[in-house]
Amino acid sequence: MLLFMKGAGIVSSIVVLIALAITLLKALVGLVAFVGVVLKLLVVLAFVAVIAGVGFMALRSWQERKKTAA
C-alpha cells in the first residue's frame, strides 16, 4: 500500500507540473497577444498623429497664403 501511495504521489506531481507548464504557456501566449495589440495600436496612433500634423501644417500654410494674398 505504501508503494502505491508513493507511486501515486510521483505521478500526481508530474501531472501537476505539466498542468502548471500548460497554464504558464497560456499566460505567455496571452501576454504576447496583448503586447502585439498594444504595438499595433501605437503604430496606428503614430500614423494618425503624422497625418493630423501634415493636415494642420497644410491648413496653416493655406491660411497664411490667403492672408498674404489679400
Protein backbone atom coordinates (compact mmCIF):
# COMPACT_ATOMS: atom_id res chain seq x y z
CA MET A 1 0.00 0.00 0.00
CA LEU A 2 2.85 2.38 0.84
CA LEU A 3 4.49 1.76 -2.54
CA PHE A 4 1.18 2.52 -4.29
CA MET A 5 0.85 5.81 -2.40
CA LYS A 6 4.42 6.77 -3.25
CA GLY A 7 3.87 5.95 -6.94
CA ALA A 8 0.60 7.89 -6.99
CA GLY A 9 2.35 10.83 -5.37
CA ILE A 10 5.07 10.90 -8.02
CA VAL A 11 2.60 10.55 -10.90
CA SER A 12 0.33 13.25 -9.50
CA SER A 13 3.33 15.55 -9.02
CA ILE A 14 4.27 15.11 -12.68
CA VAL A 15 0.67 15.76 -13.77
CA VAL A 16 0.56 18.92 -11.65
CA LEU A 17 3.86 20.14 -13.12
CA ILE A 18 2.56 19.54 -16.65
CA ALA A 19 -0.65 21.41 -15.81
CA LEU A 20 1.35 24.32 -14.41
CA ALA A 21 3.54 24.41 -17.52
CA ILE A 22 0.45 24.48 -19.76
CA THR A 23 -1.07 27.27 -17.68
CA LEU A 24 2.18 29.26 -17.87
CA LEU A 25 2.32 28.84 -21.65
CA LYS A 26 -1.30 30.00 -21.97
CA ALA A 27 -0.48 33.08 -19.90
CA LEU A 28 2.60 33.80 -22.02
CA VAL A 29 0.60 33.48 -25.24
CA GLY A 30 -1.98 35.88 -23.81
CA LEU A 31 0.73 38.35 -22.81
CA VAL A 32 2.35 38.22 -26.25
CA ALA A 33 -1.03 38.76 -27.88
CA PHE A 34 -1.73 41.73 -25.61
CA VAL A 35 1.67 43.29 -26.33
CA GLY A 36 1.09 42.77 -30.05
CA VAL A 37 -2.26 44.56 -29.91
CA VAL A 38 -0.72 47.43 -27.95
CA LEU A 39 2.07 47.79 -30.51
CA LYS A 40 -0.42 47.77 -33.37
CA LEU A 41 -2.45 50.48 -31.65
CA LEU A 42 0.68 52.57 -31.12
CA VAL A 43 1.58 52.28 -34.81
CA VAL A 44 -1.94 53.32 -35.84
CA LEU A 45 -1.89 56.26 -33.42
CA ALA A 46 1.50 57.34 -34.75
CA PHE A 47 0.18 57.34 -38.32
CA VAL A 48 -2.90 59.29 -37.25
CA ALA A 49 -0.69 61.84 -35.48
CA VAL A 50 1.51 62.23 -38.58
CA ILE A 51 -1.49 62.65 -40.87
CA ALA A 52 -3.07 65.16 -38.46
CA GLY A 53 0.22 67.08 -38.26
CA VAL A 54 0.55 67.23 -42.03
CA GLY A 55 -3.06 68.36 -42.33
CA PHE A 56 -2.53 71.03 -39.69
CA MET A 57 0.58 72.34 -41.42
CA ALA A 58 -1.18 72.39 -44.80
CA LEU A 59 -4.15 74.26 -43.32
CA ARG A 60 -1.84 76.76 -41.62
CA SER A 61 0.15 77.43 -44.79
CA TRP A 62 -3.09 77.79 -46.77
CA GLN A 63 -4.36 80.40 -44.27
CA GLU A 64 -1.04 82.26 -44.37
CA ARG A 65 -1.15 82.33 -48.16
CA LYS A 66 -4.68 83.72 -48.01
CA LYS A 67 -3.51 86.47 -45.62
CA THR A 68 -0.53 87.48 -47.78
CA ALA A 69 -2.61 87.45 -50.97
CA ALA A 70 -5.27 89.75 -49.52
